[in-house]
C-alpha atoms as a PDB file:
ATOM      1  CA  MET A   1       8.848  39.923  -2.555  1.00  0.00           C
ATOM      2  CA  ASN A   2       8.846  36.174  -1.635  1.00  0.00           C
ATOM      3  CA  PHE A   3       6.128  35.124   0.542  1.00  0.00           C
ATOM      4  CA  ARG A   4       6.936  31.741   0.137  1.00  0.00           C
ATOM      5  CA  PRO A   5       8.924  31.104   3.537  1.00  0.00           C
ATOM      6  CA  LEU A   6       6.308  33.136   5.501  1.00  0.00           C
ATOM      7  CA  PHE A   7       3.552  31.325   4.139  1.00  0.00           C
ATOM      8  CA  SER A   8       5.170  27.918   4.969  1.00  0.00           C
ATOM      9  CA  LEU A   9       5.015  28.631   8.693  1.00  0.00           C
ATOM     10  CA  PHE A  10       1.357  28.065   8.313  1.00  0.00           C
ATOM     11  CA  SER A  11       1.950  25.284   5.904  1.00  0.00           C
ATOM     12  CA  SER A  12      -1.140  23.104   4.536  1.00  0.00           C
ATOM     13  CA  ASP A  13       1.299  20.858   2.539  1.00  0.00           C
ATOM     14  CA  LEU A  14       0.239  17.205   2.601  1.00  0.00           C
ATOM     15  CA  ALA A  15       1.906  14.163   1.470  1.00  0.00           C
ATOM     16  CA  ILE A  16      -0.425  11.349   0.425  1.00  0.00           C
ATOM     17  CA  ASP A  17       0.092   7.506   0.063  1.00  0.00           C
ATOM     18  CA  LEU A  18      -2.772   6.702  -2.293  1.00  0.00           C
ATOM     19  CA  GLY A  19      -3.036   2.792  -1.652  1.00  0.00           C
ATOM     20  CA  THR A  20      -5.200   0.461  -3.043  1.00  0.00           C
ATOM     21  CA  ALA A  21      -6.186  -0.758   0.393  1.00  0.00           C
ATOM     22  CA  ASN A  22      -5.449   2.249   2.780  1.00  0.00           C
ATOM     23  CA  THR A  23      -4.891   6.030   2.167  1.00  0.00           C
ATOM     24  CA  LEU A  24      -2.680   7.862   4.559  1.00  0.00           C
ATOM     25  CA  VAL A  25      -2.194  11.571   4.730  1.00  0.00           C
ATOM     26  CA  TYR A  26       0.731  13.324   6.445  1.00  0.00           C
ATOM     27  CA  ALA A  27       0.402  17.016   7.143  1.00  0.00           C
ATOM     28  CA  LYS A  28       3.728  18.956   7.426  1.00  0.00           C
ATOM     29  CA  GLY A  29       4.680  19.468  10.979  1.00  0.00           C
ATOM     30  CA  ARG A  30       1.695  17.386  12.283  1.00  0.00           C
ATOM     31  CA  GLY A  31       2.516  13.874  11.243  1.00  0.00           C
ATOM     32  CA  ILE A  32       0.035  11.219   9.885  1.00  0.00           C
ATOM     33  CA  VAL A  33      -3.427  12.843   9.946  1.00  0.00           C
ATOM     34  CA  VAL A  34      -5.534  10.387   8.087  1.00  0.00           C
ATOM     35  CA  ASN A  35      -5.142   6.599   7.986  1.00  0.00           C
ATOM     36  CA  GLU A  36      -8.273   5.005   6.364  1.00  0.00           C
ATOM     37  CA  PRO A  37      -9.439   2.466   3.914  1.00  0.00           C
ATOM     38  CA  SER A  38      -9.524   3.572   0.393  1.00  0.00           C
ATOM     39  CA  ILE A  39     -13.388   2.742  -0.030  1.00  0.00           C
ATOM     40  CA  VAL A  40     -16.061   5.001  -0.895  1.00  0.00           C
ATOM     41  CA  ALA A  41     -19.821   4.118  -0.420  1.00  0.00           C
ATOM     42  CA  ILE A  42     -22.011   5.863  -2.977  1.00  0.00           C
ATOM     43  CA  ASN A  43     -25.720   5.860  -3.263  1.00  0.00           C
ATOM     44  CA  LYS A  44     -26.647   4.775  -6.736  1.00  0.00           C
ATOM     45  CA  VAL A  45     -30.193   6.466  -6.835  1.00  0.00           C
ATOM     46  CA  THR A  46     -28.929   9.918  -5.906  1.00  0.00           C
ATOM     47  CA  ASN A  47     -25.212   9.510  -6.863  1.00  0.00           C
ATOM     48  CA  GLN A  48     -24.188  10.922  -3.519  1.00  0.00           C
ATOM     49  CA  VAL A  49     -21.241   9.785  -1.404  1.00  0.00           C
ATOM     50  CA  GLU A  50     -22.658   8.142   1.701  1.00  0.00           C
ATOM     51  CA  ALA A  51     -19.380   7.413   3.558  1.00  0.00           C
ATOM     52  CA  VAL A  52     -15.702   7.368   2.928  1.00  0.00           C
ATOM     53  CA  GLY A  53     -13.056   5.219   4.547  1.00  0.00           C
ATOM     54  CA  LYS A  54     -13.700   3.506   7.748  1.00  0.00           C
ATOM     55  CA  GLU A  55     -17.411   4.030   7.678  1.00  0.00           C
ATOM     56  CA  ALA A  56     -17.500   2.807   4.109  1.00  0.00           C
ATOM     57  CA  LYS A  57     -15.294  -0.189   5.027  1.00  0.00           C
ATOM     58  CA  ASP A  58     -17.771  -1.398   7.633  1.00  0.00           C
ATOM     59  CA  MET A  59     -20.577  -1.245   4.922  1.00  0.00           C
ATOM     60  CA  LEU A  60     -18.591  -3.689   2.505  1.00  0.00           C
ATOM     61  CA  GLY A  61     -20.551  -6.770   1.724  1.00  0.00           C
ATOM     62  CA  ARG A  62     -23.361  -5.256   4.142  1.00  0.00           C
ATOM     63  CA  THR A  63     -25.115  -2.701   2.094  1.00  0.00           C
ATOM     64  CA  PRO A  64     -28.542  -2.603   0.687  1.00  0.00           C
ATOM     65  CA  GLY A  65     -28.869  -2.753  -3.169  1.00  0.00           C
ATOM     66  CA  ASN A  66     -28.898   1.219  -3.700  1.00  0.00           C
ATOM     67  CA  ILE A  67     -25.652   1.524  -1.893  1.00  0.00           C
ATOM     68  CA  VAL A  68     -22.426   0.375  -3.298  1.00  0.00           C
ATOM     69  CA  ALA A  69     -19.037   0.357  -1.554  1.00  0.00           C
ATOM     70  CA  ILE A  70     -16.313   1.037  -4.254  1.00  0.00           C
ATOM     71  CA  ARG A  71     -12.543   0.520  -4.064  1.00  0.00           C
ATOM     72  CA  PRO A  72     -11.589   3.428  -6.604  1.00  0.00           C
ATOM     73  CA  MET A  73      -7.910   2.119  -6.816  1.00  0.00           C
ATOM     74  CA  LYS A  74      -7.114  -1.151  -8.269  1.00  0.00           C
ATOM     75  CA  ASP A  75      -3.513  -2.463  -8.420  1.00  0.00           C
ATOM     76  CA  GLY A  76      -2.111   0.534  -7.175  1.00  0.00           C
ATOM     77  CA  VAL A  77      -3.690   2.797  -9.876  1.00  0.00           C
ATOM     78  CA  ILE A  78      -7.006   4.823 -10.233  1.00  0.00           C
ATOM     79  CA  ALA A  79      -9.784   2.593 -11.557  1.00  0.00           C
ATOM     80  CA  ASP A  80     -12.519   5.182 -10.920  1.00  0.00           C
ATOM     81  CA  PHE A  81     -11.572   8.757 -11.727  1.00  0.00           C
ATOM     82  CA  THR A  82     -14.771  10.531 -10.179  1.00  0.00           C
ATOM     83  CA  VAL A  83     -14.819   8.355  -7.086  1.00  0.00           C
ATOM     84  CA  THR A  84     -11.042   8.827  -6.411  1.00  0.00           C
ATOM     85  CA  GLU A  85     -11.401  12.550  -6.700  1.00  0.00           C
ATOM     86  CA  LYS A  86     -14.343  12.415  -4.154  1.00  0.00           C
ATOM     87  CA  MET A  87     -12.240  10.442  -1.959  1.00  0.00           C
ATOM     88  CA  LEU A  88      -9.046  12.786  -2.211  1.00  0.00           C
ATOM     89  CA  THR A  89     -11.404  15.701  -1.537  1.00  0.00           C
ATOM     90  CA  TYR A  90     -12.835  13.970   1.442  1.00  0.00           C
ATOM     91  CA  PHE A  91      -9.367  13.144   2.981  1.00  0.00           C
ATOM     92  CA  ILE A  92      -7.637  16.412   2.124  1.00  0.00           C
ATOM     93  CA  GLN A  93     -10.615  18.431   3.924  1.00  0.00           C
ATOM     94  CA  LYS A  94     -10.315  15.764   6.640  1.00  0.00           C
ATOM     95  CA  ALA A  95      -6.563  16.499   7.176  1.00  0.00           C
ATOM     96  CA  HIS A  96      -7.309  20.463   7.276  1.00  0.00           C
ATOM     97  CA  SER A  97     -10.166  19.661   9.563  1.00  0.00           C
ATOM     98  CA  ARG A  98     -12.825  20.545   6.956  1.00  0.00           C
ATOM     99  CA  LYS A  99     -11.409  23.886   5.907  1.00  0.00           C
ATOM    100  CA  VAL A 100     -12.658  24.559   2.537  1.00  0.00           C
ATOM    101  CA  LEU A 101     -10.317  27.297   1.328  1.00  0.00           C
ATOM    102  CA  VAL A 102      -7.091  25.590   1.767  1.00  0.00           C
ATOM    103  CA  HIS A 103      -5.003  24.848  -1.600  1.00  0.00           C
ATOM    104  CA  PRO A 104      -2.185  22.590  -0.113  1.00  0.00           C
ATOM    105  CA  ARG A 105       0.876  21.686  -2.093  1.00  0.00           C
ATOM    106  CA  ILE A 106       0.751  17.807  -2.188  1.00  0.00           C
ATOM    107  CA  VAL A 107       3.323  15.028  -2.843  1.00  0.00           C
ATOM    108  CA  ILE A 108       1.827  11.481  -3.776  1.00  0.00           C
ATOM    109  CA  GLY A 109       3.387   8.234  -3.739  1.00  0.00           C
ATOM    110  CA  VAL A 110       2.685   6.124  -7.051  1.00  0.00           C
ATOM    111  CA  PRO A 111       3.798   2.685  -8.163  1.00  0.00           C
ATOM    112  CA  SER A 112       6.669   2.466 -10.481  1.00  0.00           C
ATOM    113  CA  GLY A 113       5.030   0.714 -13.221  1.00  0.00           C
ATOM    114  CA  ILE A 114       2.557   3.497 -13.537  1.00  0.00           C
ATOM    115  CA  THR A 115       1.774   4.923 -17.237  1.00  0.00           C
ATOM    116  CA  GLN A 116       1.796   8.568 -18.455  1.00  0.00           C
ATOM    117  CA  VAL A 117      -2.010   8.524 -18.656  1.00  0.00           C
ATOM    118  CA  GLU A 118      -2.291   7.077 -15.182  1.00  0.00           C
ATOM    119  CA  LYS A 119       0.189   9.641 -13.903  1.00  0.00           C
ATOM    120  CA  ARG A 120      -1.903  12.323 -15.429  1.00  0.00           C
ATOM    121  CA  ALA A 121      -5.134  11.116 -13.764  1.00  0.00           C
ATOM    122  CA  VAL A 122      -3.501  11.114 -10.340  1.00  0.00           C
ATOM    123  CA  GLN A 123      -2.334  14.520 -10.789  1.00  0.00           C
ATOM    124  CA  ASP A 124      -5.699  15.930 -12.376  1.00  0.00           C
ATOM    125  CA  SER A 125      -7.577  14.329  -9.417  1.00  0.00           C
ATOM    126  CA  ALA A 126      -5.242  16.114  -7.013  1.00  0.00           C
ATOM    127  CA  TYR A 127      -5.649  19.475  -8.794  1.00  0.00           C
ATOM    128  CA  ARG A 128      -9.455  18.919  -8.960  1.00  0.00           C
ATOM    129  CA  ALA A 129      -9.344  18.198  -5.196  1.00  0.00           C
ATOM    130  CA  LYS A 130      -8.068  21.898  -4.814  1.00  0.00           C
ATOM    131  CA  ALA A 131      -4.263  21.131  -4.591  1.00  0.00           C
ATOM    132  CA  SER A 132      -1.980  24.180  -5.673  1.00  0.00           C
ATOM    133  CA  GLU A 133       0.752  21.846  -6.887  1.00  0.00           C
ATOM    134  CA  ALA A 134       0.897  18.164  -7.158  1.00  0.00           C
ATOM    135  CA  HIS A 135       4.358  16.123  -7.302  1.00  0.00           C
ATOM    136  CA  LEU A 136       4.547  12.316  -7.744  1.00  0.00           C
ATOM    137  CA  VAL A 137       7.271  10.272  -6.301  1.00  0.00           C
ATOM    138  CA  GLU A 138       7.635   6.418  -6.671  1.00  0.00           C
ATOM    139  CA  GLN A 139       6.456   4.270  -3.794  1.00  0.00           C
ATOM    140  CA  ALA A 140       9.427   2.273  -3.563  1.00  0.00           C
ATOM    141  CA  MET A 141      11.585   5.330  -3.293  1.00  0.00           C
ATOM    142  CA  ALA A 142       9.310   6.837  -0.677  1.00  0.00           C
ATOM    143  CA  ALA A 143       9.130   3.580   1.311  1.00  0.00           C
ATOM    144  CA  ALA A 144      13.032   3.606   1.404  1.00  0.00           C
ATOM    145  CA  ILE A 145      13.142   7.014   2.659  1.00  0.00           C
ATOM    146  CA  GLY A 146      10.616   6.212   5.216  1.00  0.00           C
ATOM    147  CA  ALA A 147      12.298   3.263   6.346  1.00  0.00           C
ATOM    148  CA  GLY A 148      15.403   5.386   7.058  1.00  0.00           C
ATOM    149  CA  LEU A 149      17.604   4.015   4.168  1.00  0.00           C
ATOM    150  CA  PRO A 150      20.427   6.064   3.059  1.00  0.00           C
ATOM    151  CA  VAL A 151      19.012   6.771  -0.484  1.00  0.00           C
ATOM    152  CA  THR A 152      21.269   9.645  -1.438  1.00  0.00           C
ATOM    153  CA  GLU A 153      24.585   7.885  -0.887  1.00  0.00           C
ATOM    154  CA  PRO A 154      26.472   5.927  -3.421  1.00  0.00           C
ATOM    155  CA  SER A 155      25.543   2.492  -2.188  1.00  0.00           C
ATOM    156  CA  GLY A 156      22.977  -0.017  -2.916  1.00  0.00           C
ATOM    157  CA  ASN A 157      19.749  -0.279  -0.867  1.00  0.00           C
ATOM    158  CA  MET A 158      16.966  -2.794  -1.545  1.00  0.00           C
ATOM    159  CA  ILE A 159      13.546  -2.216  -0.536  1.00  0.00           C
ATOM    160  CA  VAL A 160      10.481  -4.631  -0.932  1.00  0.00           C
ATOM    161  CA  ASP A 161       7.155  -2.782  -0.317  1.00  0.00           C
ATOM    162  CA  ILE A 162       4.202  -5.029  -0.280  1.00  0.00           C
ATOM    163  CA  GLY A 163       0.955  -3.090  -0.265  1.00  0.00           C
ATOM    164  CA  GLY A 164      -2.643  -3.902  -0.980  1.00  0.00           C
ATOM    165  CA  GLY A 165      -2.576  -3.765  -4.882  1.00  0.00           C
ATOM    166  CA  THR A 166       1.164  -3.894  -5.839  1.00  0.00           C
ATOM    167  CA  THR A 167       4.486  -5.206  -4.640  1.00  0.00           C
ATOM    168  CA  GLU A 168       7.310  -2.628  -5.190  1.00  0.00           C
ATOM    169  CA  ILE A 169      10.626  -3.795  -5.448  1.00  0.00           C
ATOM    170  CA  ALA A 170      13.649  -1.493  -6.009  1.00  0.00           C
ATOM    171  CA  VAL A 171      17.204  -1.010  -5.720  1.00  0.00           C
ATOM    172  CA  ILE A 172      18.251   2.540  -5.017  1.00  0.00           C
ATOM    173  CA  SER A 173      21.568   4.453  -5.214  1.00  0.00           C
ATOM    174  CA  LEU A 174      22.378   8.154  -5.362  1.00  0.00           C
ATOM    175  CA  SER A 175      18.591   9.107  -5.127  1.00  0.00           C
ATOM    176  CA  GLY A 176      17.946   7.085  -8.216  1.00  0.00           C
ATOM    177  CA  ILE A 177      16.312   3.737  -8.646  1.00  0.00           C
ATOM    178  CA  VAL A 178      18.762   1.411 -10.375  1.00  0.00           C
ATOM    179  CA  GLY A 179      16.474  -1.499 -10.908  1.00  0.00           C
ATOM    180  CA  SER A 180      12.827  -1.935 -10.067  1.00  0.00           C
ATOM    181  CA  ARG A 181       9.783  -4.284 -10.661  1.00  0.00           C
ATOM    182  CA  SER A 182       6.296  -3.544  -9.803  1.00  0.00           C
ATOM    183  CA  ASP A 183       3.954  -6.856  -9.322  1.00  0.00           C
ATOM    184  CA  LYS A 184       0.206  -6.985  -8.864  1.00  0.00           C
ATOM    185  CA  VAL A 185       0.667  -9.953  -6.528  1.00  0.00           C
ATOM    186  CA  ALA A 186       0.221  -8.278  -2.974  1.00  0.00           C
ATOM    187  CA  GLY A 187      -2.138  -8.122  -0.011  1.00  0.00           C
ATOM    188  CA  ASN A 188      -5.569  -8.243  -1.936  1.00  0.00           C
ATOM    189  CA  GLU A 189      -4.272 -11.133  -3.986  1.00  0.00           C
ATOM    190  CA  MET A 190      -3.418 -13.001  -0.901  1.00  0.00           C
ATOM    191  CA  ASP A 191      -6.891 -12.384   0.464  1.00  0.00           C
ATOM    192  CA  GLU A 192      -8.261 -13.707  -2.745  1.00  0.00           C
ATOM    193  CA  ALA A 193      -6.068 -16.764  -2.511  1.00  0.00           C
ATOM    194  CA  ILE A 194      -7.453 -17.464   0.963  1.00  0.00           C
ATOM    195  CA  THR A 195     -11.023 -17.012  -0.200  1.00  0.00           C
ATOM    196  CA  GLN A 196     -10.557 -19.557  -3.204  1.00  0.00           C
ATOM    197  CA  TYR A 197      -8.670 -22.075  -0.795  1.00  0.00           C
ATOM    198  CA  ILE A 198     -11.666 -22.152   1.564  1.00  0.00           C
ATOM    199  CA  LYS A 199     -14.104 -22.442  -1.212  1.00  0.00           C
ATOM    200  CA  ARG A 200     -12.282 -25.302  -2.767  1.00  0.00           C
ATOM    201  CA  LYS A 201     -11.516 -27.084   0.407  1.00  0.00           C
ATOM    202  CA  TYR A 202     -14.646 -26.672   2.598  1.00  0.00           C
ATOM    203  CA  ASN A 203     -17.321 -25.621   0.059  1.00  0.00           C
ATOM    204  CA  LEU A 204     -17.537 -22.280   2.210  1.00  0.00           C
ATOM    205  CA  LEU A 205     -17.934 -18.671   0.776  1.00  0.00           C
ATOM    206  CA  ILE A 206     -16.380 -16.250   2.824  1.00  0.00           C
ATOM    207  CA  GLY A 207     -16.291 -12.237   2.400  1.00  0.00           C
ATOM    208  CA  GLU A 208     -13.246 -10.158   1.935  1.00  0.00           C
ATOM    209  CA  ARG A 209     -13.155  -8.750   5.094  1.00  0.00           C
ATOM    210  CA  THR A 210     -13.090 -12.364   6.660  1.00  0.00           C
ATOM    211  CA  ALA A 211     -10.481 -13.331   4.055  1.00  0.00           C
ATOM    212  CA  GLU A 212      -8.207 -10.304   5.522  1.00  0.00           C
ATOM    213  CA  GLN A 213      -8.876 -11.320   9.020  1.00  0.00           C
ATOM    214  CA  ILE A 214      -7.653 -14.706   8.391  1.00  0.00           C
ATOM    215  CA  LYS A 215      -4.479 -13.377   6.880  1.00  0.00           C
ATOM    216  CA  ILE A 216      -3.781 -11.265   9.719  1.00  0.00           C
ATOM    217  CA  GLU A 217      -4.536 -13.666  12.469  1.00  0.00           C
ATOM    218  CA  ILE A 218      -2.973 -16.988  11.283  1.00  0.00           C
ATOM    219  CA  GLY A 219      -1.396 -16.160   7.902  1.00  0.00           C
ATOM    220  CA  SER A 220       2.279 -17.123   7.762  1.00  0.00           C
ATOM    221  CA  ALA A 221       5.033 -17.663   5.065  1.00  0.00           C
ATOM    222  CA  TYR A 222       7.230 -20.203   6.988  1.00  0.00           C
ATOM    223  CA  VAL A 223       6.574 -22.759   9.750  1.00  0.00           C
ATOM    224  CA  LEU A 224       5.422 -21.058  12.965  1.00  0.00           C
ATOM    225  CA  ASP A 225       6.942 -21.864  16.483  1.00  0.00           C
ATOM    226  CA  GLU A 226       3.507 -22.329  17.901  1.00  0.00           C
ATOM    227  CA  PRO A 227       0.539 -23.616  15.790  1.00  0.00           C
ATOM    228  CA  ARG A 228      -2.425 -21.315  15.340  1.00  0.00           C
ATOM    229  CA  ILE A 229      -6.233 -21.891  14.629  1.00  0.00           C
ATOM    230  CA  MET A 230      -9.220 -19.923  14.004  1.00  0.00           C
ATOM    231  CA  GLU A 231     -13.005 -20.406  13.514  1.00  0.00           C
ATOM    232  CA  VAL A 232     -14.266 -19.038  10.290  1.00  0.00           C
ATOM    233  CA  LYS A 233     -17.764 -18.399   9.555  1.00  0.00           C
ATOM    234  CA  GLY A 234     -19.278 -18.106   6.052  1.00  0.00           C
ATOM    235  CA  ARG A 235     -21.981 -19.535   3.889  1.00  0.00           C
ATOM    236  CA  ASP A 236     -22.190 -23.212   2.873  1.00  0.00           C
ATOM    237  CA  LEU A 237     -22.216 -23.465  -1.075  1.00  0.00           C
ATOM    238  CA  MET A 238     -24.073 -26.737  -0.873  1.00  0.00           C
ATOM    239  CA  GLU A 239     -26.908 -25.877   1.582  1.00  0.00           C
ATOM    240  CA  GLY A 240     -26.781 -22.136   1.353  1.00  0.00           C
ATOM    241  CA  VAL A 241     -26.768 -21.831   5.125  1.00  0.00           C
ATOM    242  CA  PRO A 242     -24.463 -20.172   7.525  1.00  0.00           C
ATOM    243  CA  LYS A 243     -21.654 -22.487   8.789  1.00  0.00           C
ATOM    244  CA  SER A 244     -18.373 -22.276  10.672  1.00  0.00           C
ATOM    245  CA  VAL A 245     -15.133 -24.396  10.154  1.00  0.00           C
ATOM    246  CA  THR A 246     -11.725 -24.412  12.176  1.00  0.00           C
ATOM    247  CA  ILE A 247      -8.694 -23.879  10.049  1.00  0.00           C
ATOM    248  CA  SER A 248      -4.996 -24.004  10.877  1.00  0.00           C
ATOM    249  CA  ASP A 249      -2.052 -21.982   9.974  1.00  0.00           C
ATOM    250  CA  GLU A 250      -0.690 -24.668   7.989  1.00  0.00           C
ATOM    251  CA  GLU A 251      -3.594 -24.484   5.512  1.00  0.00           C
ATOM    252  CA  ILE A 252      -3.451 -20.742   5.167  1.00  0.00           C
ATOM    253  CA  ARG A 253       0.395 -21.098   4.542  1.00  0.00           C
ATOM    254  CA  GLU A 254      -0.516 -23.395   1.654  1.00  0.00           C
ATOM    255  CA  ALA A 255      -3.110 -21.003   0.469  1.00  0.00           C
ATOM    256  CA  LEU A 256      -0.680 -18.069   0.347  1.00  0.00           C
ATOM    257  CA  ASP A 257       2.399 -20.118  -0.904  1.00  0.00           C
ATOM    258  CA  GLU A 258       1.987 -19.253  -4.633  1.00  0.00           C
ATOM    259  CA  CYS A 259       1.616 -15.381  -4.075  1.00  0.00           C
ATOM    260  CA  ILE A 260       4.827 -15.583  -1.782  1.00  0.00           C
ATOM    261  CA  ASN A 261       6.654 -17.470  -4.364  1.00  0.00           C
ATOM    262  CA  ILE A 262       5.853 -14.880  -7.103  1.00  0.00           C
ATOM    263  CA  ILE A 263       7.165 -12.060  -4.734  1.00  0.00           C
ATOM    264  CA  ILE A 264      10.158 -14.060  -3.908  1.00  0.00           C
ATOM    265  CA  ASN A 265      10.843 -14.745  -7.708  1.00  0.00           C
ATOM    266  CA  SER A 266      10.434 -10.977  -8.285  1.00  0.00           C
ATOM    267  CA  ILE A 267      13.062 -10.367  -5.826  1.00  0.00           C
ATOM    268  CA  ARG A 268      15.558 -12.615  -7.541  1.00  0.00           C
ATOM    269  CA  VAL A 269      14.841 -10.976 -10.936  1.00  0.00           C
ATOM    270  CA  VAL A 270      15.787  -7.679  -9.577  1.00  0.00           C
ATOM    271  CA  LEU A 271      18.828  -8.984  -7.954  1.00  0.00           C
ATOM    272  CA  GLU A 272      19.870 -10.619 -11.057  1.00  0.00           C
ATOM    273  CA  ARG A 273      19.851  -7.301 -12.865  1.00  0.00           C
ATOM    274  CA  THR A 274      21.509  -5.273 -10.252  1.00  0.00           C
ATOM    275  CA  PRO A 275      25.131  -4.341 -10.987  1.00  0.00           C
ATOM    276  CA  PRO A 276      27.727  -6.149  -9.252  1.00  0.00           C
ATOM    277  CA  GLU A 277      29.104  -3.216  -7.038  1.00  0.00           C
ATOM    278  CA  LEU A 278      25.596  -2.546  -5.599  1.00  0.00           C
ATOM    279  CA  SER A 279      24.922  -6.272  -5.344  1.00  0.00           C
ATOM    280  CA  ALA A 280      27.783  -6.442  -2.900  1.00  0.00           C
ATOM    281  CA  ASP A 281      26.375  -3.614  -0.846  1.00  0.00           C
ATOM    282  CA  ILE A 282      23.011  -5.629  -0.631  1.00  0.00           C
ATOM    283  CA  ALA A 283      24.814  -8.660   0.367  1.00  0.00           C
ATOM    284  CA  ASP A 284      26.037  -6.495   3.272  1.00  0.00           C
ATOM    285  CA  LYS A 285      23.022  -4.531   4.147  1.00  0.00           C
ATOM    286  CA  GLY A 286      20.449  -6.857   3.165  1.00  0.00           C
ATOM    287  CA  ILE A 287      16.700  -6.321   2.008  1.00  0.00           C
ATOM    288  CA  VAL A 288      14.122  -4.071   3.867  1.00  0.00           C
ATOM    289  CA  LEU A 289      10.537  -5.188   3.856  1.00  0.00           C
ATOM    290  CA  ALA A 290       7.857  -2.453   4.100  1.00  0.00           C
ATOM    291  CA  GLY A 291       4.081  -2.180   3.503  1.00  0.00           C
ATOM    292  CA  GLY A 292       1.293  -4.155   5.024  1.00  0.00           C
ATOM    293  CA  GLY A 293       2.270  -7.558   3.470  1.00  0.00           C
ATOM    294  CA  ALA A 294       5.395  -7.413   5.386  1.00  0.00           C
ATOM    295  CA  LEU A 295       3.736  -8.208   8.501  1.00  0.00           C
ATOM    296  CA  ILE A 296       2.847 -11.641   7.326  1.00  0.00           C
ATOM    297  CA  ARG A 297       4.562 -13.891  10.095  1.00  0.00           C
ATOM    298  CA  ASN A 298       7.961 -15.254   9.088  1.00  0.00           C
ATOM    299  CA  LEU A 299       7.978 -13.737   5.722  1.00  0.00           C
ATOM    300  CA  ASP A 300      11.409 -12.425   6.409  1.00  0.00           C
ATOM    301  CA  LYS A 301      12.770 -15.804   7.327  1.00  0.00           C
ATOM    302  CA  ARG A 302      11.302 -17.298   4.311  1.00  0.00           C
ATOM    303  CA  ILE A 303      13.023 -14.591   2.001  1.00  0.00           C
ATOM    304  CA  ARG A 304      16.302 -15.187   4.026  1.00  0.00           C
ATOM    305  CA  GLU A 305      16.129 -18.825   3.515  1.00  0.00           C
ATOM    306  CA  GLU A 306      15.442 -18.524  -0.290  1.00  0.00           C
ATOM    307  CA  THR A 307      17.892 -15.644  -1.113  1.00  0.00           C
ATOM    308  CA  GLY A 308      20.555 -16.221   1.508  1.00  0.00           C
ATOM    309  CA  LEU A 309      20.478 -12.390   2.282  1.00  0.00           C
ATOM    310  CA  PRO A 310      19.829 -10.643   5.603  1.00  0.00           C
ATOM    311  CA  VAL A 311      16.236  -9.405   5.746  1.00  0.00           C
ATOM    312  CA  THR A 312      14.978  -6.800   8.033  1.00  0.00           C
ATOM    313  CA  LEU A 313      11.292  -5.378   8.676  1.00  0.00           C
ATOM    314  CA  ALA A 314      10.885  -1.585   8.442  1.00  0.00           C
ATOM    315  CA  GLU A 315      10.206   0.036  11.716  1.00  0.00           C
ATOM    316  CA  ASN A 316       6.676   1.115  10.961  1.00  0.00           C
ATOM    317  CA  PRO A 317       5.950  -1.069   7.678  1.00  0.00           C
ATOM    318  CA  LEU A 318       2.689   0.310   7.102  1.00  0.00           C
ATOM    319  CA  SER A 319       3.503   3.944   7.181  1.00  0.00           C
ATOM    320  CA  CYS A 320       6.875   3.992   5.406  1.00  0.00           C
ATOM    321  CA  VAL A 321       5.742   5.307   1.971  1.00  0.00           C
ATOM    322  CA  VAL A 322       3.595   8.286   3.672  1.00  0.00           C
ATOM    323  CA  LEU A 323       6.650   8.950   6.133  1.00  0.00           C
ATOM    324  CA  GLY A 324       9.010   9.028   3.176  1.00  0.00           C
ATOM    325  CA  THR A 325       6.555  11.116   1.150  1.00  0.00           C
ATOM    326  CA  GLY A 326       6.323  13.370   4.102  1.00  0.00           C
ATOM    327  CA  LYS A 327      10.033  13.940   4.484  1.00  0.00           C
ATOM    328  CA  MET A 328      10.054  15.531   0.940  1.00  0.00           C
ATOM    329  CA  LEU A 329       7.739  18.153   2.123  1.00  0.00           C
ATOM    330  CA  SER A 330      10.599  19.855   3.951  1.00  0.00           C
ATOM    331  CA  ASP A 331      13.316  18.794   1.739  1.00  0.00           C
ATOM    332  CA  PHE A 332      12.435  20.189  -1.701  1.00  0.00           C
ATOM    333  CA  ASP A 333      16.075  19.454  -3.115  1.00  0.00           C
ATOM    334  CA  LEU A 334      15.432  15.845  -2.441  1.00  0.00           C
ATOM    335  CA  LEU A 335      11.837  16.060  -4.125  1.00  0.00           C
ATOM    336  CA  ARG A 336      13.396  17.814  -7.254  1.00  0.00           C
ATOM    337  CA  LYS A 337      15.784  14.950  -7.632  1.00  0.00           C
ATOM    338  CA  ILE A 338      13.350  12.192  -7.272  1.00  0.00           C
ATOM    339  CA  ALA A 339       9.856  13.466  -8.487  1.00  0.00           C
ATOM    340  CA  ILE A 340       8.523  11.721 -11.682  1.00  0.00           C
ATOM    341  CA  ASN A 341       7.930  14.229 -14.319  1.00  0.00           C
END
């Protein structure tokens, strides 16, 4: 007898976008149930997890010596196995409202440049976090599906997914990735560029949360219609005392310029390697942007200017990967075609 269909009515299957900056969990039939920062706060003395997700992020840069806030994912891949496993377990239980006996089937989005060893690590973490099956799919493919692109058709679709740790660029046709590139220049790298710029220009040291705030509030890739300014507080490197300065969108544009150029050059590289038939499709349909980095003001304008192609922003850029991964929970044929073995 086959219990699978009966069992899937009470399905506990989950799709996970294990991101460097945020982890999103999608539960079949319920939508996105978890959307929290990929951060774990650990007590160094007892080795216990003090907090995960939002609570742990609030502790960043503010913890006493015995508590460290760790980002277990670096550049889209697992940097710390034990912590990732604890984080996954926490998010899976949270998605199932703390039920301990659930063994879900899980689909996880991973960067396209991932090695065999790293794939193994992600799967092992999922199994240790009590998954019954773990399937991996490439984030670029998941983002394209989540953005509503017709990936199964024989035509070229180009997706650029700018996450926290990696930027995934891919051309997709007939459920397969024709050409792709994974770059370690993405949201976190942009935050770092802002931190360094303010340190150089104003001798002011700011934390990573402040840098991210600046990027969100006044970051842009192309001249804005209305200039923006922001007051930034940090520590004066000369005097060692707290100090605040006012910065403009123009300065932040200059700080982000190098990161954005690298992303645009990668888009060009992928376009150059695309077969001519598919290039023609992309010239018609253009490039779709997804991921948190796609929200930088006027990034679409800048890419349009430099590539001459139409550029559109996906509907929910932040949740494209997890929504695409979620669609595979109910479409196992598609999952079979695109899962990474």
